[in-house]
């Protein structure tokens, strides 16, 4: 049976020059392509203007949901995420092992277990607490007890506890190495988190069972898309960072969530300087021709590469 799969491209900025390249890359693979682009003012029918910070692009989804066609699955991908050339609307869902009640995300980790070295953690906790006075969210998302039960049913262990151990997990020490300074943060963040723990030592609990996960490639089934979009909108109004908002919304709305570990595929993200430099060397050797990248770089199990700045490439 033929599936209707809608490909939704997420843009951090209003960059219309990428649209023709993405249409050329995916137009023969996905019949239904929509671009969610901040502040777009043109006339293209498949470019949906959104009004939200890209740090909270879950808000894009909530704003666009009513304008999207009915589909069996909705595939969200960053405009700088390059999907394996053999994947298309008809084989992607089966490749990832999805069914009408399951979605996909690379991984899900309880935020309580993430190091405070990831500075979004403290920011999200503070905003969640502060928003209790500004956003009437309590009746819009599952209750604390229900959310814990939903996640535990997915074998996601939730304790709700914060501790000094969160200062040590994953180590702050890599931030002093030059090649990682772009992605690990200044030592004062360690002190900021320590002060937060000391100030709240009488109640070191997560305000809600939030999750962390890579959010530049996800799949949402139609069966939960409305609920998922609603949760995304609520978390957008609360100004929660996207790599907490989307994983949490997906896990709370989807009966089953497939992760990379459940498949034979893997995505490749380049975050540190050595990884980016190595990829740049490859790109230069291919003369920035996408066809050569597809032919020589993508192994049979490489789901996607991120980031690939299409403005630099010949498509």
Protein backbone atom coordinates (compact mmCIF):
# COMPACT_ATOMS: atom_id res chain seq x y z
CA UNK A 1 0.00 0.00 0.00
CA UNK A 2 1.32 3.42 -0.95
CA UNK A 3 1.96 5.74 1.99
CA UNK A 4 1.44 9.48 1.96
CA UNK A 5 4.54 10.90 3.61
CA UNK A 6 4.93 14.64 4.06
CA UNK A 7 8.49 16.00 4.19
CA UNK A 8 8.73 19.14 6.31
CA UNK A 9 11.93 21.16 6.08
CA UNK A 10 12.85 23.28 9.10
CA UNK A 11 14.80 26.51 8.52
CA UNK A 12 16.63 28.40 11.25
CA UNK A 13 16.51 31.58 9.17
CA UNK A 14 14.65 33.05 6.21
CA UNK A 15 16.90 31.56 3.55
CA UNK A 16 14.81 31.13 0.41
CA UNK A 17 17.89 30.40 -1.74
CA UNK A 18 17.99 26.89 -0.28
CA UNK A 19 14.44 26.06 -1.40
CA UNK A 20 15.24 25.22 -5.06
CA UNK A 21 18.18 23.05 -4.00
CA UNK A 22 16.06 21.13 -1.49
CA UNK A 23 13.28 20.72 -4.05
CA UNK A 24 15.82 19.31 -6.51
CA UNK A 25 17.31 16.98 -3.88
CA UNK A 26 14.01 15.59 -2.61
CA UNK A 27 11.37 16.42 -5.22
CA UNK A 28 11.67 13.07 -7.00
CA UNK A 29 11.70 11.20 -3.67
CA UNK A 30 8.89 12.94 -1.76
CA UNK A 31 5.74 14.09 -3.52
CA UNK A 32 4.70 16.35 -0.65
CA UNK A 33 7.33 18.85 0.55
CA UNK A 34 6.68 21.85 2.75
CA UNK A 35 9.17 24.41 4.02
CA UNK A 36 8.68 25.96 7.48
CA UNK A 37 10.51 29.26 7.21
CA UNK A 38 10.69 32.19 9.66
CA UNK A 39 9.07 35.42 8.48
CA UNK A 40 8.51 34.28 4.89
CA UNK A 41 6.48 36.83 2.86
CA UNK A 42 6.39 35.28 -0.61
CA UNK A 43 3.66 33.53 -2.57
CA UNK A 44 4.92 29.94 -2.75
CA UNK A 45 2.14 27.58 -1.68
CA UNK A 46 4.47 25.12 0.01
CA UNK A 47 6.47 27.61 2.08
CA UNK A 48 4.74 28.23 5.39
CA UNK A 49 5.72 31.36 7.31
CA UNK A 50 6.37 30.80 11.01
CA UNK A 51 7.06 33.27 13.80
CA UNK A 52 9.28 31.75 16.43
CA UNK A 53 12.91 31.64 17.52
CA UNK A 54 14.81 28.80 15.84
CA UNK A 55 15.96 27.77 19.34
CA UNK A 56 12.31 26.84 19.90
CA UNK A 57 11.40 25.54 16.46
CA UNK A 58 8.84 23.22 18.02
CA UNK A 59 6.69 26.32 17.73
CA UNK A 60 7.02 26.11 13.93
CA UNK A 61 5.24 22.76 14.03
CA UNK A 62 2.33 24.01 16.10
CA UNK A 63 1.88 27.04 13.84
CA UNK A 64 2.07 25.02 10.62
CA UNK A 65 -0.02 22.02 11.66
CA UNK A 66 -3.38 23.31 10.42
CA UNK A 67 -1.93 24.16 6.99
CA UNK A 68 -0.48 20.73 6.26
CA UNK A 69 -2.24 18.07 4.16
CA UNK A 70 -3.53 14.90 5.74
CA UNK A 71 -0.70 12.36 5.57
CA UNK A 72 0.24 9.00 7.03
CA UNK A 73 3.55 10.27 8.40
CA UNK A 74 5.24 13.63 8.85
CA UNK A 75 9.02 13.69 8.44
CA UNK A 76 10.80 16.74 9.88
CA UNK A 77 14.30 17.49 8.70
CA UNK A 78 16.60 20.50 9.11
CA UNK A 79 17.48 22.33 5.90
CA UNK A 80 21.13 21.48 6.61
CA UNK A 81 20.45 17.77 7.18
CA UNK A 82 21.26 15.64 4.14
CA UNK A 83 19.27 12.39 3.96
CA UNK A 84 20.66 9.19 2.43
CA UNK A 85 20.04 9.33 -1.35
CA UNK A 86 18.32 5.92 -1.44
CA UNK A 87 15.64 6.89 1.07
CA UNK A 88 12.27 8.15 -0.11
CA UNK A 89 8.61 8.42 0.84
CA UNK A 90 7.91 4.76 0.12
CA UNK A 91 10.85 3.09 1.87
CA UNK A 92 11.79 5.42 4.74
CA UNK A 93 9.02 4.27 7.09
CA UNK A 94 9.73 0.57 6.58
CA UNK A 95 13.49 1.20 6.81
CA UNK A 96 13.07 2.73 10.27
CA UNK A 97 10.68 -0.02 11.37
CA UNK A 98 7.75 2.31 12.02
CA UNK A 99 4.04 1.53 12.19
CA UNK A 100 0.98 3.81 12.45
CA UNK A 101 1.50 4.25 16.21
CA UNK A 102 5.26 4.81 16.30
CA UNK A 103 7.53 7.78 15.73
CA UNK A 104 11.27 8.17 15.33
CA UNK A 105 13.97 10.24 17.04
CA UNK A 106 17.70 9.56 17.36
CA UNK A 107 17.67 9.12 21.15
CA UNK A 108 15.78 9.96 24.34
CA UNK A 109 17.57 10.77 27.59
CA UNK A 110 15.88 12.01 30.77
CA UNK A 111 17.02 15.60 31.27
CA UNK A 112 17.67 14.81 34.92
CA UNK A 113 20.60 12.62 33.81
CA UNK A 114 22.19 15.21 31.52
CA UNK A 115 25.18 17.18 32.76
CA UNK A 116 24.81 20.84 33.66
CA UNK A 117 27.74 21.22 31.26
CA UNK A 118 25.01 21.36 28.62
CA UNK A 119 23.90 24.85 29.51
CA UNK A 120 20.39 24.44 28.06
CA UNK A 121 19.59 22.14 30.99
CA UNK A 122 19.67 24.85 33.64
CA UNK A 123 17.98 27.31 31.30
CA UNK A 124 15.09 24.89 30.63
CA UNK A 125 14.57 24.10 34.31
CA UNK A 126 14.48 27.79 35.20
CA UNK A 127 12.07 28.62 32.39
CA UNK A 128 9.77 25.74 33.28
CA UNK A 129 9.55 26.98 36.87
CA UNK A 130 9.13 30.64 35.85
CA UNK A 131 6.45 29.87 33.28
CA UNK A 132 4.11 28.56 35.94
CA UNK A 133 3.20 32.20 36.44
CA UNK A 134 2.93 33.19 32.77
CA UNK A 135 1.70 30.21 30.76
CA UNK A 136 -1.38 28.27 31.86
CA UNK A 137 0.07 24.98 30.69
CA UNK A 138 -1.00 22.55 33.41
CA UNK A 139 -4.20 21.42 31.70
CA UNK A 140 -2.54 21.34 28.27
CA UNK A 141 0.02 18.58 28.88
CA UNK A 142 -0.16 15.35 30.90
CA UNK A 143 0.01 15.75 34.67
CA UNK A 144 3.29 15.05 36.43
CA UNK A 145 2.14 11.60 37.54
CA UNK A 146 0.69 10.73 34.13
CA UNK A 147 3.82 11.90 32.30
CA UNK A 148 6.03 9.74 34.51
CA UNK A 149 3.76 6.75 33.89
CA UNK A 150 3.81 7.30 30.11
CA UNK A 151 7.60 7.46 30.02
CA UNK A 152 8.12 4.54 32.37
CA UNK A 153 5.88 2.44 30.13
CA UNK A 154 8.46 3.12 27.41
CA UNK A 155 11.22 1.86 29.73
CA UNK A 156 12.50 5.41 30.30
CA UNK A 157 13.67 5.56 33.90
CA UNK A 158 12.49 8.70 35.67
CA UNK A 159 13.58 9.52 39.23
CA UNK A 160 12.97 13.27 39.13
CA UNK A 161 16.12 13.88 41.16
CA UNK A 162 18.84 16.44 40.59
CA UNK A 163 22.19 16.13 42.35
CA UNK A 164 25.79 17.29 42.44
CA UNK A 165 26.47 14.30 40.23
CA UNK A 166 24.96 16.32 37.37
CA UNK A 167 27.93 18.64 37.68
CA UNK A 168 30.35 15.80 37.04
CA UNK A 169 28.53 13.71 34.46
CA UNK A 170 30.15 13.81 31.03
CA UNK A 171 32.92 15.93 32.55
CA UNK A 172 33.51 19.63 32.17
CA UNK A 173 37.16 19.07 31.42
CA UNK A 174 36.90 18.71 27.60
CA UNK A 175 35.94 22.38 27.41
CA UNK A 176 39.55 23.38 28.03
CA UNK A 177 40.67 21.55 24.88
CA UNK A 178 40.86 23.98 22.00
CA UNK A 179 38.98 21.83 19.48
CA UNK A 180 35.95 21.54 21.78
CA UNK A 181 35.69 25.11 23.02
CA UNK A 182 33.01 25.89 20.47
CA UNK A 183 30.66 23.33 22.02
CA UNK A 184 31.55 23.22 25.68
CA UNK A 185 30.89 26.27 27.74
CA UNK A 186 32.80 28.54 30.06
CA UNK A 187 33.76 27.42 33.59
CA UNK A 188 31.42 29.97 35.11
CA UNK A 189 28.52 27.77 34.00
CA UNK A 190 29.77 25.14 36.43
CA UNK A 191 29.58 27.70 39.25
CA UNK A 192 26.15 28.88 38.09
CA UNK A 193 24.81 25.33 38.25
CA UNK A 194 26.43 24.73 41.64
CA UNK A 195 24.80 27.87 43.03
CA UNK A 196 21.44 26.72 41.63
CA UNK A 197 21.79 23.35 43.39
CA UNK A 198 22.80 24.98 46.67
CA UNK A 199 19.96 27.49 46.52
CA UNK A 200 17.42 24.71 45.87
CA UNK A 201 19.04 22.03 48.03
CA UNK A 202 15.85 21.53 50.04
CA UNK A 203 13.93 20.55 46.88
CA UNK A 204 16.30 19.09 44.29
CA UNK A 205 13.67 17.75 41.92
CA UNK A 206 12.88 18.18 38.27
CA UNK A 207 9.69 20.22 37.86
CA UNK A 208 8.53 17.81 35.11
CA UNK A 209 9.94 14.64 33.48
CA UNK A 210 11.55 16.39 30.52
CA UNK A 211 13.68 14.57 27.96
CA UNK A 212 16.67 15.46 25.82
CA UNK A 213 17.17 14.30 22.23
CA UNK A 214 18.53 15.26 18.83
CA UNK A 215 15.66 16.95 17.01
CA UNK A 216 16.82 17.78 13.47
CA UNK A 217 15.40 14.54 12.07
CA UNK A 218 12.18 13.09 13.47
CA UNK A 219 9.16 11.19 12.17
CA UNK A 220 5.64 11.59 13.58
CA UNK A 221 2.71 9.33 12.62
CA UNK A 222 -0.64 10.84 11.70
CA UNK A 223 -2.31 9.08 14.63
CA UNK A 224 -0.67 11.44 17.14
CA UNK A 225 0.28 14.41 14.98
CA UNK A 226 -2.39 16.74 16.37
CA UNK A 227 -1.52 15.89 19.98
CA UNK A 228 2.22 16.14 19.28
CA UNK A 229 1.75 19.53 17.62
CA UNK A 230 -0.29 20.74 20.58
CA UNK A 231 2.42 19.80 23.05
CA UNK A 232 4.99 21.46 20.80
CA UNK A 233 2.94 24.65 20.87
CA UNK A 234 2.68 24.60 24.65
CA UNK A 235 6.42 24.06 25.05
CA UNK A 236 7.02 26.79 22.48
CA UNK A 237 4.94 29.23 24.54
CA UNK A 238 7.05 28.25 27.53
CA UNK A 239 10.22 29.06 25.54
CA UNK A 240 11.78 25.65 26.22
CA UNK A 241 14.80 24.71 24.13
CA UNK A 242 13.86 22.59 21.12
CA UNK A 243 16.05 19.59 22.00
CA UNK A 244 14.02 19.22 25.18
CA UNK A 245 10.62 20.25 23.83
CA UNK A 246 10.43 17.95 20.80
CA UNK A 247 11.72 14.76 22.47
CA UNK A 248 9.34 15.29 25.39
CA UNK A 249 6.38 16.04 23.12
CA UNK A 250 7.09 12.98 20.98
CA UNK A 251 7.51 10.60 23.91
CA UNK A 252 4.33 11.87 25.60
CA UNK A 253 2.20 11.64 22.45
CA UNK A 254 3.50 8.51 20.67
CA UNK A 255 2.58 5.03 21.96
CA UNK A 256 5.98 3.82 20.70
CA UNK A 257 9.15 5.72 19.89
CA UNK A 258 11.81 4.06 17.74
CA UNK A 259 15.36 5.34 18.26
CA UNK A 260 18.55 4.91 16.30
CA UNK A 261 19.60 2.04 18.56
CA UNK A 262 16.56 0.07 17.36
CA UNK A 263 17.60 0.29 13.70
CA UNK A 264 20.53 -0.75 11.52
CA UNK A 265 21.14 2.88 10.57
CA UNK A 266 23.00 5.80 12.14
CA UNK A 267 23.08 9.53 11.58
CA UNK A 268 26.31 11.51 11.64
CA UNK A 269 26.45 14.92 13.34
CA UNK A 270 29.56 17.10 13.17
CA UNK A 271 29.79 19.34 16.21
CA UNK A 272 33.48 19.77 16.96
CA UNK A 273 36.21 21.46 14.95
CA UNK A 274 38.13 18.29 13.89
CA UNK A 275 34.96 16.65 12.54
CA UNK A 276 34.01 19.77 10.60
CA UNK A 277 37.54 20.15 9.24
CA UNK A 278 37.62 16.54 8.06
CA UNK A 279 34.27 16.96 6.31
CA UNK A 280 35.44 20.21 4.69
CA UNK A 281 38.47 18.37 3.31
CA UNK A 282 36.13 15.76 1.83
CA UNK A 283 33.84 18.44 0.42
CA UNK A 284 36.76 20.17 -1.27
CA UNK A 285 37.94 16.88 -2.75
CA UNK A 286 34.44 16.45 -4.23
CA UNK A 287 34.54 20.04 -5.54
CA UNK A 288 31.36 20.60 -3.49
CA UNK A 289 29.32 18.44 -5.86
CA UNK A 290 26.44 16.76 -4.04
CA UNK A 291 26.37 13.86 -6.49
CA UNK A 292 29.95 12.94 -5.57
CA UNK A 293 29.15 13.23 -1.86
CA UNK A 294 26.26 10.79 -2.32
CA UNK A 295 28.41 8.38 -4.34
CA UNK A 296 31.53 8.37 -2.17
CA UNK A 297 30.62 9.46 1.35
CA UNK A 298 27.31 7.80 2.18
CA UNK A 299 27.74 4.24 3.42
CA UNK A 300 24.74 1.86 3.15
CA UNK A 301 23.82 2.48 6.80
CA UNK A 302 24.37 6.26 6.98
CA UNK A 303 20.92 7.76 7.56
CA UNK A 304 21.92 11.41 7.24
CA UNK A 305 24.77 13.90 7.64
CA UNK A 306 24.40 17.13 9.60
CA UNK A 307 25.22 19.95 9.09
CA UNK A 308 25.68 20.28 5.34
CA UNK A 309 25.41 23.92 4.25
CA UNK A 310 23.71 23.60 0.87
CA UNK A 311 24.59 27.17 -0.09
CA UNK A 312 28.16 25.91 -0.60
CA UNK A 313 27.22 22.89 -2.74
CA UNK A 314 26.39 22.29 -6.39
CA UNK A 315 23.11 20.37 -6.53
